PDB file of N, CA and C in Angstrom:
ATOM      1  N   MET A   1      17.692  86.975 -48.299  1.00  0.00           N
ATOM      2  CA  MET A   1      18.270  85.503 -49.253  1.00  0.00           C
ATOM      3  C   MET A   1      17.977  84.461 -49.590  1.00  0.00           C
ATOM      4  N   PHE A   2      17.574  84.334 -47.802  1.00  0.00           N
ATOM      5  CA  PHE A   2      16.893  82.257 -48.191  1.00  0.00           C
ATOM      6  C   PHE A   2      15.590  82.269 -48.686  1.00  0.00           C
ATOM      7  N   LYS A   3      14.998  83.978 -48.480  1.00  0.00           N
ATOM      8  CA  LYS A   3      13.713  83.698 -48.975  1.00  0.00           C
ATOM      9  C   LYS A   3      13.366  83.979 -51.020  1.00  0.00           C
ATOM     10  N   ARG A   4      14.882  84.668 -50.944  1.00  0.00           N
ATOM     11  CA  ARG A   4      14.970  84.080 -53.341  1.00  0.00           C
ATOM     12  C   ARG A   4      15.496  82.653 -53.197  1.00  0.00           C
ATOM     13  N   LEU A   5      16.406  82.686 -52.502  1.00  0.00           N
ATOM     14  CA  LEU A   5      16.624  81.236 -52.325  1.00  0.00           C
ATOM     15  C   LEU A   5      15.740  79.842 -52.722  1.00  0.00           C
ATOM     16  N   ALA A   6      15.093  79.792 -51.943  1.00  0.00           N
ATOM     17  CA  ALA A   6      13.603  79.564 -51.876  1.00  0.00           C
ATOM     18  C   ALA A   6      12.433  80.047 -53.108  1.00  0.00           C
ATOM     19  N   GLN A   7      12.631  81.181 -53.543  1.00  0.00           N
ATOM     20  CA  GLN A   7      11.944  80.971 -54.417  1.00  0.00           C
ATOM     21  C   GLN A   7      12.520  80.434 -55.779  1.00  0.00           C
ATOM     22  N   GLN A   8      13.598  80.990 -56.396  1.00  0.00           N
ATOM     23  CA  GLN A   8      14.915  80.186 -56.637  1.00  0.00           C
ATOM     24  C   GLN A   8      14.436  78.502 -56.971  1.00  0.00           C
ATOM     25  N   LEU A   9      14.475  77.698 -55.571  1.00  0.00           N
ATOM     26  CA  LEU A   9      14.595  76.892 -55.787  1.00  0.00           C
ATOM     27  C   LEU A   9      12.873  76.136 -56.151  1.00  0.00           C
ATOM     28  N   LYS A  10      11.663  76.942 -55.538  1.00  0.00           N
ATOM     29  CA  LYS A  10      10.508  76.425 -56.044  1.00  0.00           C
ATOM     30  C   LYS A  10      10.471  76.763 -57.568  1.00  0.00           C
ATOM     31  N   ILE A  11      11.021  77.332 -57.852  1.00  0.00           N
ATOM     32  CA  ILE A  11      11.325  78.137 -59.642  1.00  0.00           C
ATOM     33  C   ILE A  11      11.532  76.639 -60.407  1.00  0.00           C
ATOM     34  N   SER A  12      12.810  76.596 -59.990  1.00  0.00           N
ATOM     35  CA  SER A  12      13.628  75.468 -60.248  1.00  0.00           C
ATOM     36  C   SER A  12      13.202  73.960 -60.148  1.00  0.00           C
ATOM     37  N   ASP A  13      11.940  73.695 -58.779  1.00  0.00           N
ATOM     38  CA  ASP A  13      11.666  72.447 -59.227  1.00  0.00           C
ATOM     39  C   ASP A  13      10.481  72.570 -59.590  1.00  0.00           C
ATOM     40  N   ILE A  14      10.035  73.447 -60.082  1.00  0.00           N
ATOM     41  CA  ILE A  14       8.639  73.558 -61.320  1.00  0.00           C
ATOM     42  C   ILE A  14       9.052  73.438 -62.227  1.00  0.00           C
ATOM     43  N   LYS A  15       9.977  74.336 -63.087  1.00  0.00           N
ATOM     44  CA  LYS A  15      10.727  74.463 -64.427  1.00  0.00           C
ATOM     45  C   LYS A  15      11.226  72.850 -64.499  1.00  0.00           C
ATOM     46  N   SER A  16      12.261  72.355 -63.696  1.00  0.00           N
ATOM     47  CA  SER A  16      12.976  71.048 -63.886  1.00  0.00           C
ATOM     48  C   SER A  16      11.396  69.893 -63.832  1.00  0.00           C
ATOM     49  N   SER A  17      10.566  70.234 -62.673  1.00  0.00           N
ATOM     50  CA  SER A  17       9.324  68.626 -63.599  1.00  0.00           C
ATOM     51  C   SER A  17       8.557  69.057 -64.502  1.00  0.00           C
ATOM     52  N   SER A  18       8.880  70.608 -65.028  1.00  0.00           N
ATOM     53  CA  SER A  18       7.300  70.125 -66.006  1.00  0.00           C
ATOM     54  C   SER A  18       8.569  69.927 -67.177  1.00  0.00           C
ATOM     55  N   PHE A  19       9.299  70.489 -67.228  1.00  0.00           N
ATOM     56  CA  PHE A  19      10.409  70.374 -69.136  1.00  0.00           C
ATOM     57  C   PHE A  19      11.571  69.696 -68.416  1.00  0.00           C
ATOM     58  N   PRO A  20      11.829  68.483 -68.556  1.00  0.00           N
ATOM     59  CA  PRO A  20      12.700  67.420 -68.866  1.00  0.00           C
ATOM     60  C   PRO A  20      13.710  68.104 -69.761  1.00  0.00           C
ATOM     61  N   VAL A  21      14.891  68.024 -69.647  1.00  0.00           N
ATOM     62  CA  VAL A  21      16.019  69.080 -70.780  1.00  0.00           C
ATOM     63  C   VAL A  21      17.401  68.205 -70.246  1.00  0.00           C
ATOM     64  N   SER A  22      17.977  67.475 -71.520  1.00  0.00           N
ATOM     65  CA  SER A  22      18.705  66.864 -71.386  1.00  0.00           C
ATOM     66  C   SER A  22      20.179  67.887 -70.909  1.00  0.00           C
ATOM     67  N   ARG A  23      20.932  67.904 -70.407  1.00  0.00           N
ATOM     68  CA  ARG A  23      22.233  68.904 -70.369  1.00  0.00           C
ATOM     69  C   ARG A  23      23.649  68.071 -71.287  1.00  0.00           C
ATOM     70  N   PRO A  24      23.882  69.002 -72.113  1.00  0.00           N
ATOM     71  CA  PRO A  24      24.865  68.422 -73.235  1.00  0.00           C
ATOM     72  C   PRO A  24      26.577  68.536 -73.243  1.00  0.00           C
ATOM     73  N   TRP A  25      25.769  69.704 -72.314  1.00  0.00           N
ATOM     74  CA  TRP A  25      27.205  70.672 -72.228  1.00  0.00           C
ATOM     75  C   TRP A  25      27.977  69.990 -70.549  1.00  0.00           C
ATOM     76  N   GLY A  26      27.639  69.121 -69.940  1.00  0.00           N
ATOM     77  CA  GLY A  26      27.991  68.952 -68.845  1.00  0.00           C
ATOM     78  C   GLY A  26      27.866  67.166 -68.548  1.00  0.00           C
ATOM     79  N   GLY A  27      28.988  67.421 -67.670  1.00  0.00           N
ATOM     80  CA  GLY A  27      29.185  65.356 -67.981  1.00  0.00           C
ATOM     81  C   GLY A  27      28.424  64.493 -66.518  1.00  0.00           C
ATOM     82  N   LYS A  28      28.472  63.879 -65.878  1.00  0.00           N
ATOM     83  CA  LYS A  28      28.109  62.950 -64.941  1.00  0.00           C
ATOM     84  C   LYS A  28      28.732  63.947 -63.928  1.00  0.00           C
ATOM     85  N   LYS A  29      29.596  64.413 -63.619  1.00  0.00           N
ATOM     86  CA  LYS A  29      30.574  65.386 -62.376  1.00  0.00           C
ATOM     87  C   LYS A  29      29.807  66.655 -62.243  1.00  0.00           C
ATOM     88  N   TYR A  30      29.490  67.431 -63.473  1.00  0.00           N
ATOM     89  CA  TYR A  30      28.521  68.623 -63.303  1.00  0.00           C
ATOM     90  C   TYR A  30      26.815  68.793 -62.780  1.00  0.00           C
ATOM     91  N   VAL A  31      26.815  67.670 -62.754  1.00  0.00           N
ATOM     92  CA  VAL A  31      25.321  66.307 -62.598  1.00  0.00           C
ATOM     93  C   VAL A  31      25.103  66.487 -61.498  1.00  0.00           C
ATOM     94  N   ALA A  32      26.108  65.263 -60.691  1.00  0.00           N
ATOM     95  CA  ALA A  32      26.391  65.379 -59.702  1.00  0.00           C
ATOM     96  C   ALA A  32      26.450  66.837 -58.216  1.00  0.00           C
ATOM     97  N   ASP A  33      27.582  67.266 -59.476  1.00  0.00           N
ATOM     98  CA  ASP A  33      27.901  68.551 -58.208  1.00  0.00           C
ATOM     99  C   ASP A  33      26.336  69.308 -58.182  1.00  0.00           C
ATOM    100  N   LYS A  34      25.586  69.606 -59.541  1.00  0.00           N
ATOM    101  CA  LYS A  34      25.129  70.067 -59.285  1.00  0.00           C
ATOM    102  C   LYS A  34      23.660  69.909 -57.866  1.00  0.00           C
ATOM    103  N   ASN A  35      23.292  68.070 -58.543  1.00  0.00           N
ATOM    104  CA  ASN A  35      22.021  68.197 -56.988  1.00  0.00           C
ATOM    105  C   ASN A  35      22.972  67.281 -55.539  1.00  0.00           C
ATOM    106  N   PHE A  36      24.337  67.996 -56.298  1.00  0.00           N
ATOM    107  CA  PHE A  36      24.494  67.754 -53.978  1.00  0.00           C
ATOM    108  C   PHE A  36      24.563  69.161 -53.537  1.00  0.00           C
ATOM    109  N   LEU A  37      24.571  70.498 -54.692  1.00  0.00           N
ATOM    110  CA  LEU A  37      24.508  71.378 -54.234  1.00  0.00           C
ATOM    111  C   LEU A  37      23.144  71.435 -53.725  1.00  0.00           C
ATOM    112  N   ASP A  38      21.750  71.094 -55.338  1.00  0.00           N
ATOM    113  CA  ASP A  38      20.320  71.339 -54.691  1.00  0.00           C
ATOM    114  C   ASP A  38      20.097  70.892 -53.446  1.00  0.00           C
ATOM    115  N   LYS A  39      20.603  69.732 -52.866  1.00  0.00           N
ATOM    116  CA  LYS A  39      20.429  69.298 -51.290  1.00  0.00           C
ATOM    117  C   LYS A  39      20.555  70.274 -50.536  1.00  0.00           C
ATOM    118  N   LEU A  40      21.592  70.516 -51.054  1.00  0.00           N
ATOM    119  CA  LEU A  40      22.508  71.269 -49.848  1.00  0.00           C
ATOM    120  C   LEU A  40      21.897  72.312 -49.560  1.00  0.00           C
ATOM    121  N   SER A  41      20.523  73.140 -50.717  1.00  0.00           N
ATOM    122  CA  SER A  41      20.365  74.955 -50.726  1.00  0.00           C
ATOM    123  C   SER A  41      19.006  74.424 -50.076  1.00  0.00           C
ATOM    124  N   LYS A  42      18.606  73.217 -50.261  1.00  0.00           N
ATOM    125  CA  LYS A  42      17.085  72.448 -49.621  1.00  0.00           C
ATOM    126  C   LYS A  42      17.600  72.490 -48.363  1.00  0.00           C
ATOM    127  N   HIS A  43      18.237  71.541 -47.583  1.00  0.00           N
ATOM    128  CA  HIS A  43      18.877  71.697 -46.456  1.00  0.00           C
ATOM    129  C   HIS A  43      18.598  72.532 -45.490  1.00  0.00           C
ATOM    130  N   ALA A  44      19.737  73.038 -46.217  1.00  0.00           N
ATOM    131  CA  ALA A  44      19.784  75.128 -45.368  1.00  0.00           C
ATOM    132  C   ALA A  44      19.147  75.847 -45.554  1.00  0.00           C
ATOM    133  N   LEU A  45      18.064  75.596 -47.029  1.00  0.00           N
ATOM    134  CA  LEU A  45      16.600  76.067 -46.358  1.00  0.00           C
ATOM    135  C   LEU A  45      16.190  76.099 -45.808  1.00  0.00           C
ATOM    136  N   SER A  46      15.472  74.371 -44.880  1.00  0.00           N
ATOM    137  CA  SER A  46      14.684  73.810 -43.980  1.00  0.00           C
ATOM    138  C   SER A  46      15.789  74.769 -42.468  1.00  0.00           C
ATOM    139  N   GLU A  47      16.380  73.893 -42.721  1.00  0.00           N
ATOM    140  CA  GLU A  47      17.136  74.914 -41.102  1.00  0.00           C
ATOM    141  C   GLU A  47      17.115  76.216 -41.249  1.00  0.00           C
ATOM    142  N   TYR A  48      17.324  77.305 -42.377  1.00  0.00           N
ATOM    143  CA  TYR A  48      16.383  78.087 -42.214  1.00  0.00           C
ATOM    144  C   TYR A  48      15.112  78.367 -42.295  1.00  0.00           C
ATOM    145  N   GLU A  49      14.002  77.474 -42.191  1.00  0.00           N
ATOM    146  CA  GLU A  49      12.637  77.982 -41.512  1.00  0.00           C
ATOM    147  C   GLU A  49      12.465  77.952 -40.412  1.00  0.00           C
ATOM    148  N   LYS A  50      13.471  76.320 -39.504  1.00  0.00           N
ATOM    149  CA  LYS A  50      12.760  76.500 -38.528  1.00  0.00           C
ATOM    150  C   LYS A  50      14.279  77.403 -37.192  1.00  0.00           C
ATOM    151  N   LYS A  51      14.263  78.020 -37.681  1.00  0.00           N
ATOM    152  CA  LYS A  51      15.878  78.782 -36.969  1.00  0.00           C
ATOM    153  C   LYS A  51      14.212  80.023 -37.148  1.00  0.00           C
ATOM    154  N   MET A  52      13.766  80.322 -38.397  1.00  0.00           N
ATOM    155  CA  MET A  52      12.861  81.484 -38.154  1.00  0.00           C
ATOM    156  C   MET A  52      11.122  81.073 -36.851  1.00  0.00           C
ATOM    157  N   SER A  53      11.107  79.870 -37.262  1.00  0.00           N
ATOM    158  CA  SER A  53      10.094  79.152 -36.100  1.00  0.00           C
ATOM    159  C   SER A  53      10.109  79.650 -35.308  1.00  0.00           C
ATOM    160  N   ILE A  54      11.741  78.755 -34.990  1.00  0.00           N
ATOM    161  CA  ILE A  54      12.203  79.256 -33.135  1.00  0.00           C
ATOM    162  C   ILE A  54      12.414  80.134 -32.745  1.00  0.00           C
ATOM    163  N   LYS A  55      12.720  80.886 -33.717  1.00  0.00           N
ATOM    164  CA  LYS A  55      12.437  82.650 -33.359  1.00  0.00           C
ATOM    165  C   LYS A  55      11.307  83.334 -33.130  1.00  0.00           C
ATOM    166  N   LYS A  56      10.547  83.068 -34.096  1.00  0.00           N
ATOM    167  CA  LYS A  56       9.374  83.481 -33.641  1.00  0.00           C
ATOM    168  C   LYS A  56       8.441  83.015 -32.673  1.00  0.00           C
ATOM    169  N   PHE A  57       8.666  81.443 -32.099  1.00  0.00           N
ATOM    170  CA  PHE A  57       8.196  81.371 -31.311  1.00  0.00           C
ATOM    171  C   PHE A  57       8.635  81.819 -29.920  1.00  0.00           C
ATOM    172  N   THR A  58       9.934  81.954 -29.904  1.00  0.00           N
ATOM    173  CA  THR A  58      10.897  81.775 -28.825  1.00  0.00           C
ATOM    174  C   THR A  58      10.176  83.451 -27.746  1.00  0.00           C
ATOM    175  N   LYS A  59      10.068  84.277 -29.374  1.00  0.00           N
ATOM    176  CA  LYS A  59       9.328  85.995 -29.629  1.00  0.00           C
ATOM    177  C   LYS A  59       7.485  86.011 -28.419  1.00  0.00           C
ATOM    178  N   LEU A  60       7.349  85.214 -29.034  1.00  0.00           N
ATOM    179  CA  LEU A  60       6.268  85.260 -28.611  1.00  0.00           C
ATOM    180  C   LEU A  60       6.392  84.415 -26.739  1.00  0.00           C
ATOM    181  N   THR A  61       6.691  83.665 -26.505  1.00  0.00           N
ATOM    182  CA  THR A  61       6.939  83.033 -25.107  1.00  0.00           C
ATOM    183  C   THR A  61       7.430  84.138 -24.342  1.00  0.00           C
ATOM    184  N   LEU A  62       8.560  84.616 -24.929  1.00  0.00           N
ATOM    185  CA  LEU A  62       8.922  86.274 -23.684  1.00  0.00           C
ATOM    186  C   LEU A  62       8.300  87.501 -24.422  1.00  0.00           C
ATOM    187  N   SER A  63       7.694  87.830 -24.631  1.00  0.00           N
ATOM    188  CA  SER A  63       6.959  88.785 -24.947  1.00  0.00           C
ATOM    189  C   SER A  63       6.862  89.051 -23.254  1.00  0.00           C
ATOM    190  N   ASP A  64       6.007  90.461 -23.029  1.00  0.00           N
ATOM    191  CA  ASP A  64       5.786  91.064 -22.146  1.00  0.00           C
ATOM    192  C   ASP A  64       4.974  90.538 -21.098  1.00  0.00           C
ATOM    193  N   PRO A  65       5.131  90.070 -19.998  1.00  0.00           N
ATOM    194  CA  PRO A  65       4.149  88.470 -18.478  1.00  0.00           C
ATOM    195  C   PRO A  65       3.626  89.509 -18.355  1.00  0.00           C
ATOM    196  N   GLU A  66       3.049  91.137 -18.700  1.00  0.00           N
ATOM    197  CA  GLU A  66       2.184  91.629 -17.988  1.00  0.00           C
ATOM    198  C   GLU A  66       1.520  92.025 -18.505  1.00  0.00           C
ATOM    199  N   ASP A  67       1.338  91.841 -20.219  1.00  0.00           N
ATOM    200  CA  ASP A  67       0.207  91.527 -20.412  1.00  0.00           C
ATOM    201  C   ASP A  67      -0.366  90.764 -20.759  1.00  0.00           C
ATOM    202  N   CYS A  68      -1.755  90.529 -20.141  1.00  0.00           N
ATOM    203  CA  CYS A  68      -2.606  90.110 -19.549  1.00  0.00           C
ATOM    204  C   CYS A  68      -4.150  89.924 -20.846  1.00  0.00           C
ATOM    205  N   SER A  69      -4.568  90.508 -21.738  1.00  0.00           N
ATOM    206  CA  SER A  69      -4.879  90.715 -22.836  1.00  0.00           C
ATOM    207  C   SER A  69      -6.127  89.518 -23.149  1.00  0.00           C
ATOM    208  N   HIS A  70      -4.445  88.110 -23.183  1.00  0.00           N
ATOM    209  CA  HIS A  70      -5.184  87.415 -23.808  1.00  0.00           C
ATOM    210  C   HIS A  70      -6.484  86.726 -23.085  1.00  0.00           C
ATOM    211  N   ASN A  71      -5.931  87.403 -21.802  1.00  0.00           N
ATOM    212  CA  ASN A  71      -6.704  86.306 -21.306  1.00  0.00           C
ATOM    213  C   ASN A  71      -8.862  87.532 -21.012  1.00  0.00           C
ATOM    214  N   ASP A  72      -8.546  89.009 -21.119  1.00  0.00           N
ATOM    215  CA  ASP A  72      -9.957  89.265 -21.328  1.00  0.00           C
ATOM    216  C   ASP A  72     -10.375  88.587 -22.873  1.00  0.00           C
ATOM    217  N   LEU A  73      -9.284  88.565 -23.887  1.00  0.00           N
ATOM    218  CA  LEU A  73     -10.203  87.454 -25.188  1.00  0.00           C
ATOM    219  C   LEU A  73     -10.637  86.647 -24.868  1.00  0.00           C
ATOM    220  N   VAL A  74     -10.641  86.009 -24.406  1.00  0.00           N
ATOM    221  CA  VAL A  74     -10.161  84.371 -24.011  1.00  0.00           C
ATOM    222  C   VAL A  74     -12.432  84.512 -22.876  1.00  0.00           C
ATOM    223  N   GLU A  75     -11.996  85.833 -21.963  1.00  0.00           N
ATOM    224  CA  GLU A  75     -13.493  85.869 -21.261  1.00  0.00           C
ATOM    225  C   GLU A  75     -14.461  85.927 -21.817  1.00  0.00           C
ATOM    226  N   ASN A  76     -13.811  86.528 -23.007  1.00  0.00           N
ATOM    227  CA  ASN A  76     -15.391  87.568 -24.047  1.00  0.00           C
ATOM    228  C   ASN A  76     -15.601  86.674 -25.202  1.00  0.00           C
ATOM    229  N   LEU A  77     -15.411  85.749 -25.299  1.00  0.00           N
ATOM    230  CA  LEU A  77     -15.239  84.616 -26.677  1.00  0.00           C
ATOM    231  C   LEU A  77     -16.031  83.658 -24.816  1.00  0.00           C
ATOM    232  N   PHE A  78     -15.812  83.547 -23.887  1.00  0.00           N
ATOM    233  CA  PHE A  78     -16.654  82.215 -22.725  1.00  0.00           C
ATOM    234  C   PHE A  78     -18.354  83.263 -23.221  1.00  0.00           C
ATOM    235  N   GLU A  79     -18.468  84.268 -22.767  1.00  0.00           N
ATOM    236  CA  GLU A  79     -19.847  85.702 -22.094  1.00  0.00           C
ATOM    237  C   GLU A  79     -20.160  85.111 -23.693  1.00  0.00           C
ATOM    238  N   THR A  80     -19.435  85.497 -24.645  1.00  0.00           N
ATOM    239  CA  THR A  80     -20.730  86.159 -25.656  1.00  0.00           C
ATOM    240  C   THR A  80     -20.755  84.032 -26.630  1.00  0.00           C
ATOM    241  N   GLY A  81     -20.639  83.270 -26.055  1.00  0.00           N
ATOM    242  CA  GLY A  81     -20.874  81.869 -26.024  1.00  0.00           C
ATOM    243  C   GLY A  81     -20.116  81.272 -27.527  1.00  0.00           C
ATOM    244  N   VAL A  82     -19.144  81.506 -28.068  1.00  0.00           N
ATOM    245  CA  VAL A  82     -18.692  81.072 -29.189  1.00  0.00           C
ATOM    246  C   VAL A  82     -17.984  80.091 -28.761  1.00  0.00           C
ATOM    247  N   ALA A  83     -17.167  80.257 -27.739  1.00  0.00           N
ATOM    248  CA  ALA A  83     -16.645  78.996 -27.792  1.00  0.00           C
ATOM    249  C   ALA A  83     -17.001  78.455 -26.251  1.00  0.00           C
ATOM    250  N   ASP A  84     -17.219  76.908 -25.718  1.00  0.00           N
ATOM    251  CA  ASP A  84     -17.956  76.434 -24.162  1.00  0.00           C
ATOM    252  C   ASP A  84     -16.882  76.544 -23.333  1.00  0.00           C
ATOM    253  N   ASP A  85     -16.872  76.553 -22.173  1.00  0.00           N
ATOM    254  CA  ASP A  85     -15.922  75.702 -21.047  1.00  0.00           C
ATOM    255  C   ASP A  85     -16.003  74.694 -21.483  1.00  0.00           C
ATOM    256  N   ILE A  86     -14.797  73.800 -21.486  1.00  0.00           N
ATOM    257  CA  ILE A  86     -13.883  72.959 -21.580  1.00  0.00           C
ATOM    258  C   ILE A  86     -14.299  72.012 -20.255  1.00  0.00           C
ATOM    259  N   GLN A  87     -14.624  72.192 -19.334  1.00  0.00           N
ATOM    260  CA  GLN A  87     -14.365  71.583 -18.283  1.00  0.00           C
ATOM    261  C   GLN A  87     -15.648  71.262 -17.903  1.00  0.00           C
ATOM    262  N   SER A  88     -17.006  71.621 -18.308  1.00  0.00           N
ATOM    263  CA  SER A  88     -18.421  71.799 -18.208  1.00  0.00           C
ATOM    264  C   SER A  88     -18.113  69.736 -18.528  1.00  0.00           C
ATOM    265  N   VAL A  89     -19.755  69.564 -18.143  1.00  0.00           N
ATOM    266  CA  VAL A  89     -19.796  68.038 -18.445  1.00  0.00           C
ATOM    267  C   VAL A  89     -19.959  67.794 -19.134  1.00  0.00           C
ATOM    268  N   SER A  90     -21.105  68.749 -20.062  1.00  0.00           N
ATOM    269  CA  SER A  90     -21.431  68.600 -20.958  1.00  0.00           C
ATOM    270  C   SER A  90     -20.555  68.429 -22.067  1.00  0.00           C
ATOM    271  N   SER A  91     -19.623  69.614 -22.572  1.00  0.00           N
ATOM    272  CA  SER A  91     -18.312  69.625 -23.415  1.00  0.00           C
ATOM    273  C   SER A  91     -18.033  67.972 -22.853  1.00  0.00           C
ATOM    274  N   ILE A  92     -17.608  67.706 -22.395  1.00  0.00           N
ATOM    275  CA  ILE A  92     -15.944  66.412 -21.942  1.00  0.00           C
ATOM    276  C   ILE A  92     -17.100  65.161 -22.266  1.00  0.00           C
ATOM    277  N   LYS A  93     -18.876  65.157 -22.138  1.00  0.00           N
ATOM    278  CA  LYS A  93     -18.643  64.326 -23.306  1.00  0.00           C
ATOM    279  C   LYS A  93     -18.845  64.148 -24.407  1.00  0.00           C
ATOM    280  N   SER A  94     -19.721  65.860 -24.610  1.00  0.00           N
ATOM    281  CA  SER A  94     -19.554  65.193 -26.231  1.00  0.00           C
ATOM    282  C   SER A  94     -18.427  65.650 -27.062  1.00  0.00           C
ATOM    283  N   LEU A  95     -17.586  65.815 -26.631  1.00  0.00           N
ATOM    284  CA  LEU A  95     -15.778  66.014 -26.832  1.00  0.00           C
ATOM    285  C   LEU A  95     -15.329  64.410 -26.654  1.00  0.00           C
ATOM    286  N   ALA A  96     -15.836  63.101 -25.798  1.00  0.00           N
ATOM    287  CA  ALA A  96     -15.632  62.171 -26.233  1.00  0.00           C
ATOM    288  C   ALA A  96     -16.490  60.855 -26.744  1.00  0.00           C
ATOM    289  N   VAL A  97     -17.514  61.373 -27.425  1.00  0.00           N
ATOM    290  CA  VAL A  97     -17.988  60.611 -28.434  1.00  0.00           C
ATOM    291  C   VAL A  97     -18.103  61.991 -29.839  1.00  0.00           C
ATOM    292  N   ASN A  98     -17.208  62.463 -29.642  1.00  0.00           N
ATOM    293  CA  ASN A  98     -16.833  63.097 -31.173  1.00  0.00           C
ATOM    294  C   ASN A  98     -15.786  61.865 -31.857  1.00  0.00           C
ATOM    295  N   PRO A  99     -16.633  61.262 -33.346  1.00  0.00           N
ATOM    296  CA  PRO A  99     -15.303  60.975 -33.720  1.00  0.00           C
ATOM    297  C   PRO A  99     -14.572  61.385 -34.788  1.00  0.00           C
ATOM    298  N   LYS A 100     -14.508  62.738 -34.970  1.00  0.00           N
ATOM    299  CA  LYS A 100     -13.123  63.216 -35.654  1.00  0.00           C
ATOM    300  C   LYS A 100     -11.603  63.189 -34.157  1.00  0.00           C
ATOM    301  N   LEU A 101     -12.108  63.724 -33.054  1.00  0.00           N
ATOM    302  CA  LEU A 101     -11.076  63.892 -32.063  1.00  0.00           C
ATOM    303  C   LEU A 101     -10.722  62.839 -30.993  1.00  0.00           C
ATOM    304  N   LEU A 102     -11.601  61.366 -31.929  1.00  0.00           N
ATOM    305  CA  LEU A 102     -11.015  60.107 -32.246  1.00  0.00           C
ATOM    306  C   LEU A 102      -9.982  59.921 -32.564  1.00  0.00           C
ATOM    307  N   LYS A 103     -10.119  59.907 -33.606  1.00  0.00           N
ATOM    308  CA  LYS A 103      -9.440  59.300 -34.903  1.00  0.00           C
ATOM    309  C   LYS A 103      -8.347  60.789 -34.064  1.00  0.00           C
ATOM    310  N   ASP A 104      -8.789  61.305 -34.295  1.00  0.00           N
ATOM    311  CA  ASP A 104      -7.090  62.430 -34.364  1.00  0.00           C
ATOM    312  C   ASP A 104      -6.521  62.020 -33.091  1.00  0.00           C
ATOM    313  N   LEU A 105      -6.339  62.158 -32.188  1.00  0.00           N
ATOM    314  CA  LEU A 105      -6.268  61.065 -31.261  1.00  0.00           C
ATOM    315  C   LEU A 105      -5.638  59.827 -30.981  1.00  0.00           C
ATOM    316  N   GLY A 106      -6.180  58.923 -32.784  1.00  0.00           N
ATOM    317  CA  GLY A 106      -6.039  57.458 -32.682  1.00  0.00           C
ATOM    318  C   GLY A 106      -6.458  56.572 -31.831  1.00  0.00           C
ATOM    319  N   LEU A 107      -7.499  56.644 -31.346  1.00  0.00           N
ATOM    320  CA  LEU A 107      -8.565  55.821 -30.821  1.00  0.00           C
ATOM    321  C   LEU A 107      -9.844  55.342 -31.271  1.00  0.00           C
TER     322      LEU A 107
END
């Protein structure tokens, strides 16, 4: 239901932004009601998206605690050289002078 609502809101935003049309059949009350419902619908959609992301995060965090396949994947990345060990001295020195990292940290 919310997916359809999201699609309709996106379509109505696109239509209303590119084709501004007056509404001669409605008065100010209709426009006020429609604006209120649009804001309410967008708020409900954002709340639904938050709820779904929390639900997905909870599912990930509460997954099988005995499944350690992620450790094997990380170890494989270190062995193949795709990822460097973050605790090595050379990695720390390279991160200390990395301008993109410093910018992201606000330093």
